[in-house]
Structures are given as structure tokens and as C-alpha cells.
C-alpha atoms as a PDB file:
ATOM      1  CA  MET A   1     -64.220  61.921 -11.143  1.00  0.00           C
ATOM      2  CA  ILE A   2     -60.933  60.066 -11.539  1.00  0.00           C
ATOM      3  CA  THR A   3     -62.540  56.703 -10.729  1.00  0.00           C
ATOM      4  CA  ASP A   4     -65.156  57.338 -13.432  1.00  0.00           C
ATOM      5  CA  LYS A   5     -62.383  57.913 -15.971  1.00  0.00           C
ATOM      6  CA  ILE A   6     -60.553  54.807 -14.804  1.00  0.00           C
ATOM      7  CA  ASP A   7     -63.757  52.751 -15.076  1.00  0.00           C
ATOM      8  CA  LYS A   8     -64.352  54.100 -18.571  1.00  0.00           C
ATOM      9  CA  ILE A   9     -60.786  53.271 -19.625  1.00  0.00           C
ATOM     10  CA  ASN A  10     -61.102  49.771 -18.114  1.00  0.00           C
ATOM     11  CA  LYS A  11     -64.324  49.158 -20.047  1.00  0.00           C
ATOM     12  CA  ILE A  12     -62.662  50.257 -23.288  1.00  0.00           C
ATOM     13  CA  ILE A  13     -59.654  48.008 -22.631  1.00  0.00           C
ATOM     14  CA  MET A  14     -61.849  45.016 -21.747  1.00  0.00           C
ATOM     15  CA  LYS A  15     -63.946  45.537 -24.874  1.00  0.00           C
ATOM     16  CA  LYS A  16     -60.793  45.563 -27.037  1.00  0.00           C
ATOM     17  CA  ILE A  17     -59.449  42.446 -25.313  1.00  0.00           C
ATOM     18  CA  ASN A  18     -62.761  40.689 -25.849  1.00  0.00           C
ATOM     19  CA  THR A  19     -62.767  41.673 -29.529  1.00  0.00           C
ATOM     20  CA  ILE A  20     -59.258  40.228 -29.879  1.00  0.00           C
ATOM     21  CA  LEU A  21     -60.365  37.019 -28.115  1.00  0.00           C
ATOM     22  CA  ILE A  22     -63.397  36.611 -30.381  1.00  0.00           C
ATOM     23  CA  LYS A  23     -61.320  37.155 -33.521  1.00  0.00           C
ATOM     24  CA  GLY A  24     -58.639  34.845 -32.109  1.00  0.00           C
ATOM     25  CA  PHE A  25     -61.227  32.132 -31.479  1.00  0.00           C
ATOM     26  CA  HIS A  26     -62.586  32.366 -35.009  1.00  0.00           C
ATOM     27  CA  CYS A  27     -59.072  32.270 -36.486  1.00  0.00           C
ATOM     28  CA  ALA A  28     -58.032  29.329 -34.278  1.00  0.00           C
ATOM     29  CA  ASN A  29     -61.249  27.532 -35.205  1.00  0.00           C
ATOM     30  CA  LEU A  30     -60.655  28.051 -38.920  1.00  0.00           C
ATOM     31  CA  ILE A  31     -57.040  26.877 -38.633  1.00  0.00           C
ATOM     32  CA  LEU A  32     -58.113  23.782 -36.700  1.00  0.00           C
ATOM     33  CA  ILE A  33     -60.751  22.946 -39.324  1.00  0.00           C
ATOM     34  CA  ILE A  34     -58.181  23.313 -42.118  1.00  0.00           C
ATOM     35  CA  PHE A  35     -55.710  21.082 -40.259  1.00  0.00           C
ATOM     36  CA  TYR A  36     -58.439  18.495 -39.652  1.00  0.00           C
ATOM     37  CA  LEU A  37     -59.757  18.389 -43.208  1.00  0.00           C
ATOM     38  CA  TYR A  38     -56.379  18.431 -44.976  1.00  0.00           C
ATOM     39  CA  PRO A  39     -55.586  14.961 -46.378  1.00  0.00           C
ATOM     40  CA  GLY A  40     -52.322  14.467 -44.491  1.00  0.00           C
ATOM     41  CA  SER A  41     -50.356  16.412 -41.927  1.00  0.00           C
ATOM     42  CA  ILE A  42     -49.693  20.074 -42.704  1.00  0.00           C
ATOM     43  CA  LEU A  43     -47.240  20.292 -39.802  1.00  0.00           C
ATOM     44  CA  GLY A  44     -45.544  17.079 -40.919  1.00  0.00           C
ATOM     45  CA  HIS A  45     -45.156  18.544 -44.395  1.00  0.00           C
ATOM     46  CA  VAL A  46     -43.747  21.831 -43.053  1.00  0.00           C
ATOM     47  CA  LEU A  47     -41.467  20.362 -40.365  1.00  0.00           C
ATOM     48  CA  TYR A  48     -40.361  17.076 -41.944  1.00  0.00           C
ATOM     49  CA  ASN A  49     -41.247  17.536 -45.621  1.00  0.00           C
ATOM     50  CA  ASP A  50     -43.421  14.455 -45.140  1.00  0.00           C
ATOM     51  CA  PRO A  51     -47.215  14.902 -44.952  1.00  0.00           C
ATOM     52  CA  SER A  52     -47.612  11.345 -43.644  1.00  0.00           C
ATOM     53  CA  ASN A  53     -45.515  12.106 -40.535  1.00  0.00           C
ATOM     54  CA  GLN A  54     -47.547  13.705 -37.735  1.00  0.00           C
ATOM     55  CA  PRO A  55     -45.450  15.536 -35.095  1.00  0.00           C
ATOM     56  CA  GLU A  56     -46.340  14.740 -31.483  1.00  0.00           C
ATOM     57  CA  ILE A  57     -46.159  17.251 -28.634  1.00  0.00           C
ATOM     58  CA  THR A  58     -46.185  14.432 -26.082  1.00  0.00           C
ATOM     59  CA  ARG A  59     -46.715  10.689 -26.384  1.00  0.00           C
ATOM     60  CA  ASP A  60     -50.270   9.404 -26.451  1.00  0.00           C
ATOM     61  CA  PHE A  61     -51.511   7.562 -23.392  1.00  0.00           C
ATOM     62  CA  LEU A  62     -55.206   6.685 -23.294  1.00  0.00           C
ATOM     63  CA  ILE A  63     -56.120   9.589 -25.557  1.00  0.00           C
ATOM     64  CA  ALA A  64     -54.393  11.419 -28.413  1.00  0.00           C
ATOM     65  CA  SER A  65     -52.394  14.167 -26.747  1.00  0.00           C
ATOM     66  CA  ASN A  66     -52.212  16.461 -29.796  1.00  0.00           C
ATOM     67  CA  HIS A  67     -55.996  16.387 -30.116  1.00  0.00           C
ATOM     68  CA  PHE A  68     -56.408  16.980 -26.387  1.00  0.00           C
ATOM     69  CA  TYR A  69     -54.119  20.032 -26.500  1.00  0.00           C
ATOM     70  CA  ALA A  70     -55.721  21.438 -29.660  1.00  0.00           C
ATOM     71  CA  PHE A  71     -59.214  21.319 -28.183  1.00  0.00           C
ATOM     72  CA  ILE A  72     -58.071  22.647 -24.806  1.00  0.00           C
ATOM     73  CA  VAL A  73     -56.609  25.696 -26.563  1.00  0.00           C
ATOM     74  CA  LEU A  74     -59.623  26.216 -28.840  1.00  0.00           C
ATOM     75  CA  SER A  75     -62.111  25.736 -25.989  1.00  0.00           C
ATOM     76  CA  THR A  76     -60.209  28.051 -23.654  1.00  0.00           C
ATOM     77  CA  ILE A  77     -60.085  30.844 -26.209  1.00  0.00           C
ATOM     78  CA  GLY A  78     -63.776  30.343 -27.005  1.00  0.00           C
ATOM     79  CA  ILE A  79     -64.877  30.314 -23.350  1.00  0.00           C
ATOM     80  CA  LEU A  80     -62.800  33.407 -22.575  1.00  0.00           C
ATOM     81  CA  ALA A  81     -64.256  35.197 -25.586  1.00  0.00           C
ATOM     82  CA  TYR A  82     -67.905  34.332 -24.963  1.00  0.00           C
ATOM     83  CA  HIS A  83     -68.187  33.762 -21.192  1.00  0.00           C
ATOM     84  CA  ASN A  84     -70.151  36.984 -20.565  1.00  0.00           C
ATOM     85  CA  THR A  85     -72.544  36.558 -23.476  1.00  0.00           C
ATOM     86  CA  LYS A  86     -75.765  34.720 -24.212  1.00  0.00           C
ATOM     87  CA  LYS A  87     -73.853  32.697 -26.819  1.00  0.00           C
ATOM     88  CA  ILE A  88     -71.900  30.662 -24.251  1.00  0.00           C
ATOM     89  CA  ASN A  89     -74.243  27.651 -24.291  1.00  0.00           C
ATOM     90  CA  PHE A  90     -74.261  27.642 -28.085  1.00  0.00           C
ATOM     91  CA  LEU A  91     -70.451  27.773 -28.025  1.00  0.00           C
ATOM     92  CA  ILE A  92     -70.205  24.818 -25.626  1.00  0.00           C
ATOM     93  CA  ASN A  93     -72.533  22.754 -27.825  1.00  0.00           C
ATOM     94  CA  TYR A  94     -70.564  23.811 -30.911  1.00  0.00           C
ATOM     95  CA  LEU A  95     -67.262  22.784 -29.323  1.00  0.00           C
ATOM     96  CA  PHE A  96     -68.563  19.322 -28.404  1.00  0.00           C
ATOM     97  CA  LEU A  97     -70.178  18.766 -31.799  1.00  0.00           C
ATOM     98  CA  SER A  98     -67.159  19.985 -33.750  1.00  0.00           C
ATOM     99  CA  SER A  99     -64.836  17.788 -31.670  1.00  0.00           C
ATOM    100  CA  ILE A 100     -66.928  14.777 -32.703  1.00  0.00           C
ATOM    101  CA  ILE A 101     -67.833  15.684 -36.296  1.00  0.00           C
ATOM    102  CA  LEU A 102     -64.314  16.701 -37.314  1.00  0.00           C
ATOM    103  CA  GLU A 103     -62.960  13.346 -36.166  1.00  0.00           C
ATOM    104  CA  PHE A 104     -65.651  11.411 -38.019  1.00  0.00           C
ATOM    105  CA  PHE A 105     -64.702  13.282 -41.213  1.00  0.00           C
ATOM    106  CA  HIS A 106     -61.435  11.350 -41.072  1.00  0.00           C
ATOM    107  CA  MET A 107     -63.364   8.278 -42.202  1.00  0.00           C
ATOM    108  CA  VAL A 108     -63.807   9.808 -45.664  1.00  0.00           C
ATOM    109  CA  ILE A 109     -60.750  12.056 -46.050  1.00  0.00           C
ATOM    110  CA  PRO A 110     -57.932  10.424 -48.071  1.00  0.00           C
ATOM    111  CA  ASN A 111     -54.756   9.648 -46.094  1.00  0.00           C
ATOM    112  CA  ARG A 112     -56.615  10.174 -42.804  1.00  0.00           C
ATOM    113  CA  GLY A 113     -58.201   7.616 -40.545  1.00  0.00           C
ATOM    114  CA  PHE A 114     -60.702   7.599 -37.729  1.00  0.00           C
ATOM    115  CA  ASP A 115     -59.134   6.761 -34.367  1.00  0.00           C
ATOM    116  CA  PRO A 116     -61.144   6.496 -31.143  1.00  0.00           C
ATOM    117  CA  LYS A 117     -58.128   7.847 -29.204  1.00  0.00           C
ATOM    118  CA  ASP A 118     -58.314  11.017 -31.293  1.00  0.00           C
ATOM    119  CA  LEU A 119     -62.048  11.327 -30.691  1.00  0.00           C
ATOM    120  CA  PHE A 120     -61.637  10.916 -26.941  1.00  0.00           C
ATOM    121  CA  GLY A 121     -58.752  13.408 -26.936  1.00  0.00           C
ATOM    122  CA  ASN A 122     -61.009  15.967 -28.640  1.00  0.00           C
ATOM    123  CA  ILE A 123     -63.945  15.387 -26.298  1.00  0.00           C
ATOM    124  CA  ILE A 124     -61.869  15.333 -23.114  1.00  0.00           C
ATOM    125  CA  GLY A 125     -60.080  18.533 -24.166  1.00  0.00           C
ATOM    126  CA  VAL A 126     -63.420  20.323 -24.465  1.00  0.00           C
ATOM    127  CA  THR A 127     -64.782  18.688 -21.302  1.00  0.00           C
ATOM    128  CA  VAL A 128     -61.860  19.803 -19.119  1.00  0.00           C
ATOM    129  CA  VAL A 129     -62.289  23.448 -20.128  1.00  0.00           C
ATOM    130  CA  VAL A 130     -66.080  23.361 -19.749  1.00  0.00           C
ATOM    131  CA  ILE A 131     -65.828  21.796 -16.273  1.00  0.00           C
ATOM    132  CA  VAL A 132     -63.323  24.438 -15.143  1.00  0.00           C
ATOM    133  CA  TYR A 133     -65.598  27.149 -16.562  1.00  0.00           C
ATOM    134  CA  LYS A 134     -68.690  25.744 -14.799  1.00  0.00           C
ATOM    135  CA  ILE A 135     -66.852  25.443 -11.463  1.00  0.00           C
ATOM    136  CA  LYS A 136     -65.521  28.996 -11.786  1.00  0.00           C
ATOM    137  CA  LYS A 137     -68.983  30.286 -12.691  1.00  0.00           C
ATOM    138  CA  LYS A 138     -70.556  28.503  -9.715  1.00  0.00           C
ATOM    139  CA  TYR A 139     -67.844  29.831  -7.387  1.00  0.00           C
ATOM    140  CA  GLU A 140     -68.357  33.408  -8.646  1.00  0.00           C
ATOM    141  CA  LYS A 141     -72.126  33.092  -8.197  1.00  0.00           C
ATOM    142  CA  ASN A 142     -71.750  31.938  -4.570  1.00  0.00           C
ATOM    143  CA  SER A 143     -69.333  34.676  -3.565  1.00  0.00           C
END
């Protein structure tokens, strides 16, 4: 009797958490799209009063670190939100395509420029999360 109530409460809590994750993913996605399509740096404008100055979380190495971090966060939220649904494969395809398409938009947006380091940062950010998800899924299936 008590375990049934606990299970019911857990299901309600998990459903609410999942709803928050889905809404969070859509909000994060919208914010990322706005930041990508804005002709300049919104954060540079807010932090430095200079839209041409892009703040860096860490220095770039082989890939653009800011892009890597942005797509790791977006992909993680998306995977957590949709991992138990039939939409997960669509989401993974969407993440890869958006990481590529958004960067190519920089070719036509004023005050923005296409940079292969940015593109690779986007793609590797998504790839890292997808690989971790696939390994976790395989591990759960085998146990």
C-alpha cells in the first residue's frame, strides 16, 4: 500500500521534472538560435558595451570552446528531456543539423563570419553528449 503511493508520487515527480526539462530544452534552443542569428555578440554588448567583442569562457584550442560548451549544454538538456521517448533519434538528428546549419548562417549574417573552428566546436559538443548517451543506453540494456 505504502509502496504503491510512493511509486505514484515518484511517477508524478518524474513527469514534472521531464516537463521542466522539455520546456528548458526548448527555451535553451530558442536562446541559442537568437544568439547565433544576432549580427554581433549579445553577450559582448551586455558585458562590455561592445557587440563586436565576444567573451570567451576558455581559450580556443583546436575547436571554439564557447561553441563546444553551448552545444554540450543544449544536447545534454535535450537528451535528458527526450531519452525515454520515440523522439530521441529525431532530436539527435536535429542537434547535428542545427549545429551545422546555424554556423553556416554566419556566412550571410552581417558582422558574423563562418569559422571552421566554430563548426567543429558545435559538432564535437553534440557528438560527446550523444556518445555518452549511447554508451549509457548500451550499458543499461546489458545489465
